[in-house]
Structures are given as structure tokens and as C-alpha cells.
Amino acid sequence: MDRYSGVEIVNVGSGREVSIREAAEMAKEVVGFKGELVWDTTKPDGTPRKLVDDSKLAAMGWRPKVSLREGLAESYKWYLENVV
């Protein structure tokens, strides 16, 4: 944020859309969960799209340095080392 002095909110994101299912499967793999994820398809899907507009951030030259999977893995590793 060295290049930003405005007052507007700036979304932080990769610009890549990830579904809830994708994110859940990714988290399952990262933590080594061997169980089954069960989806209640009788319930509404919720908001169909959740991609945030990261154009302000991109215009400032910022790009993510780690993927979502890498970030989850790093966060989980930190959790195991510092909380458990």
C-alpha cells in the first residue's frame, strides 16, 4: 500500500474465481482430511458469484505472491506450529 493514499476500500484478491466446492476440496487436501464432504443440494446455492474486483490493486502493480493453495498450506502449518 506504499503507492496508495486514498480513502476508498481496495479489495485484495487474485482475480481468480474459486467456488466454495473448490475451496473446500483444497482445504481438505491441505489438512489431510480423509473423510467425505457432503453437500446438501436441497438448500439454496447462495450467491452464485463471489469474485471481488481487484482492479484498483492491480493498477497499483500488486500481484499475489502465493496461490490460494499455498496460502492455505502456510496458514495450516502456522496453526499446527503455534496453536495445536
C-alpha atoms as a PDB file:
ATOM      1  CA  MET A   1       0.000   0.000   0.000  1.00  0.00           C
ATOM      2  CA  ASP A   2       3.048   2.251  -0.359  1.00  0.00           C
ATOM      3  CA  ARG A   3       1.501   3.633  -3.548  1.00  0.00           C
ATOM      4  CA  TYR A   4      -1.985   4.290  -2.187  1.00  0.00           C
ATOM      5  CA  SER A   5      -3.133   7.296  -0.203  1.00  0.00           C
ATOM      6  CA  GLY A   6      -6.859   7.264  -0.976  1.00  0.00           C
ATOM      7  CA  VAL A   7      -9.758   6.613   1.341  1.00  0.00           C
ATOM      8  CA  GLU A   8     -11.650   4.114  -0.826  1.00  0.00           C
ATOM      9  CA  ILE A   9     -11.666   0.412   0.011  1.00  0.00           C
ATOM     10  CA  VAL A  10      -9.219  -1.663  -2.016  1.00  0.00           C
ATOM     11  CA  ASN A  11     -10.092  -5.344  -2.438  1.00  0.00           C
ATOM     12  CA  VAL A  12      -7.274  -7.836  -2.122  1.00  0.00           C
ATOM     13  CA  GLY A  13      -7.604 -10.848  -4.375  1.00  0.00           C
ATOM     14  CA  SER A  14      -6.018 -12.871  -7.121  1.00  0.00           C
ATOM     15  CA  GLY A  15      -8.604 -12.111  -9.771  1.00  0.00           C
ATOM     16  CA  ARG A  16      -9.285 -15.846  -9.988  1.00  0.00           C
ATOM     17  CA  GLU A  17     -12.719 -17.107  -9.055  1.00  0.00           C
ATOM     18  CA  VAL A  18     -12.833 -20.138  -6.764  1.00  0.00           C
ATOM     19  CA  SER A  19     -16.057 -21.972  -5.972  1.00  0.00           C
ATOM     20  CA  ILE A  20     -16.951 -22.962  -2.424  1.00  0.00           C
ATOM     21  CA  ARG A  21     -16.605 -26.608  -3.503  1.00  0.00           C
ATOM     22  CA  GLU A  22     -13.124 -25.950  -4.934  1.00  0.00           C
ATOM     23  CA  ALA A  23     -12.033 -24.134  -1.778  1.00  0.00           C
ATOM     24  CA  ALA A  24     -13.419 -26.895   0.460  1.00  0.00           C
ATOM     25  CA  GLU A  25     -11.693 -29.630  -1.564  1.00  0.00           C
ATOM     26  CA  MET A  26      -8.454 -27.644  -1.452  1.00  0.00           C
ATOM     27  CA  ALA A  27      -8.682 -27.220   2.327  1.00  0.00           C
ATOM     28  CA  LYS A  28      -9.488 -30.936   2.680  1.00  0.00           C
ATOM     29  CA  GLU A  29      -6.336 -31.860   0.775  1.00  0.00           C
ATOM     30  CA  VAL A  30      -4.121 -29.363   2.616  1.00  0.00           C
ATOM     31  CA  VAL A  31      -5.114 -30.603   6.084  1.00  0.00           C
ATOM     32  CA  GLY A  32      -5.168 -34.261   5.051  1.00  0.00           C
ATOM     33  CA  PHE A  33      -8.843 -34.828   5.853  1.00  0.00           C
ATOM     34  CA  LYS A  34      -9.753 -38.332   4.644  1.00  0.00           C
ATOM     35  CA  GLY A  35     -13.497 -38.061   5.205  1.00  0.00           C
ATOM     36  CA  GLU A  36     -16.145 -37.205   2.681  1.00  0.00           C
ATOM     37  CA  LEU A  37     -17.502 -33.720   2.094  1.00  0.00           C
ATOM     38  CA  VAL A  38     -21.282 -33.836   1.995  1.00  0.00           C
ATOM     39  CA  TRP A  39     -23.272 -31.194   0.145  1.00  0.00           C
ATOM     40  CA  ASP A  40     -26.927 -30.579   0.979  1.00  0.00           C
ATOM     41  CA  THR A  41     -28.282 -29.972  -2.506  1.00  0.00           C
ATOM     42  CA  THR A  42     -31.787 -29.380  -1.132  1.00  0.00           C
ATOM     43  CA  LYS A  43     -30.639 -25.985   0.171  1.00  0.00           C
ATOM     44  CA  PRO A  44     -30.179 -22.847  -1.936  1.00  0.00           C
ATOM     45  CA  ASP A  45     -26.761 -22.327  -3.506  1.00  0.00           C
ATOM     46  CA  GLY A  46     -26.378 -18.822  -2.102  1.00  0.00           C
ATOM     47  CA  THR A  47     -24.687 -16.082  -4.051  1.00  0.00           C
ATOM     48  CA  PRO A  48     -23.756 -17.531  -7.447  1.00  0.00           C
ATOM     49  CA  ARG A  49     -20.574 -15.442  -7.815  1.00  0.00           C
ATOM     50  CA  LYS A  50     -18.253 -14.016  -5.182  1.00  0.00           C
ATOM     51  CA  LEU A  51     -15.308 -12.695  -7.190  1.00  0.00           C
ATOM     52  CA  VAL A  52     -14.140  -9.319  -5.856  1.00  0.00           C
ATOM     53  CA  ASP A  53     -12.991  -6.538  -8.154  1.00  0.00           C
ATOM     54  CA  ASP A  54      -9.255  -6.266  -7.649  1.00  0.00           C
ATOM     55  CA  SER A  55      -8.647  -3.795 -10.485  1.00  0.00           C
ATOM     56  CA  LYS A  56      -7.535  -0.950  -8.149  1.00  0.00           C
ATOM     57  CA  LEU A  57      -4.956  -3.191  -6.566  1.00  0.00           C
ATOM     58  CA  ALA A  58      -3.764  -4.491  -9.939  1.00  0.00           C
ATOM     59  CA  ALA A  59      -3.477  -0.915 -11.228  1.00  0.00           C
ATOM     60  CA  MET A  60      -1.065  -0.238  -8.352  1.00  0.00           C
ATOM     61  CA  GLY A  61       1.104  -3.083  -9.615  1.00  0.00           C
ATOM     62  CA  TRP A  62       0.306  -5.581  -6.883  1.00  0.00           C
ATOM     63  CA  ARG A  63       0.094  -9.260  -7.741  1.00  0.00           C
ATOM     64  CA  PRO A  64      -0.308 -12.178  -5.321  1.00  0.00           C
ATOM     65  CA  LYS A  65       2.959 -13.942  -4.492  1.00  0.00           C
ATOM     66  CA  VAL A  66       1.340 -17.196  -3.373  1.00  0.00           C
ATOM     67  CA  SER A  67      -1.589 -19.212  -4.669  1.00  0.00           C
ATOM     68  CA  LEU A  68      -4.654 -19.905  -2.549  1.00  0.00           C
ATOM     69  CA  ARG A  69      -3.438 -23.491  -2.035  1.00  0.00           C
ATOM     70  CA  GLU A  70      -0.002 -22.264  -0.901  1.00  0.00           C
ATOM     71  CA  GLY A  71      -1.620 -19.729   1.431  1.00  0.00           C
ATOM     72  CA  LEU A  72      -3.858 -22.380   2.964  1.00  0.00           C
ATOM     73  CA  ALA A  73      -0.886 -24.702   3.429  1.00  0.00           C
ATOM     74  CA  GLU A  74       1.235 -21.964   5.031  1.00  0.00           C
ATOM     75  CA  SER A  75      -1.639 -20.938   7.307  1.00  0.00           C
ATOM     76  CA  TYR A  76      -2.293 -24.535   8.337  1.00  0.00           C
ATOM     77  CA  LYS A  77       1.398 -25.112   9.023  1.00  0.00           C
ATOM     78  CA  TRP A  78       1.491 -21.956  11.182  1.00  0.00           C
ATOM     79  CA  TYR A  79      -1.620 -23.143  13.035  1.00  0.00           C
ATOM     80  CA  LEU A  80      -0.047 -26.538  13.773  1.00  0.00           C
ATOM     81  CA  GLU A  81       3.177 -24.916  14.970  1.00  0.00           C
ATOM     82  CA  ASN A  82       1.588 -22.168  17.058  1.00  0.00           C
ATOM     83  CA  VAL A  83      -1.838 -23.238  18.235  1.00  0.00           C
ATOM     84  CA  VAL A  84      -2.098 -27.016  18.455  1.00  0.00           C
END
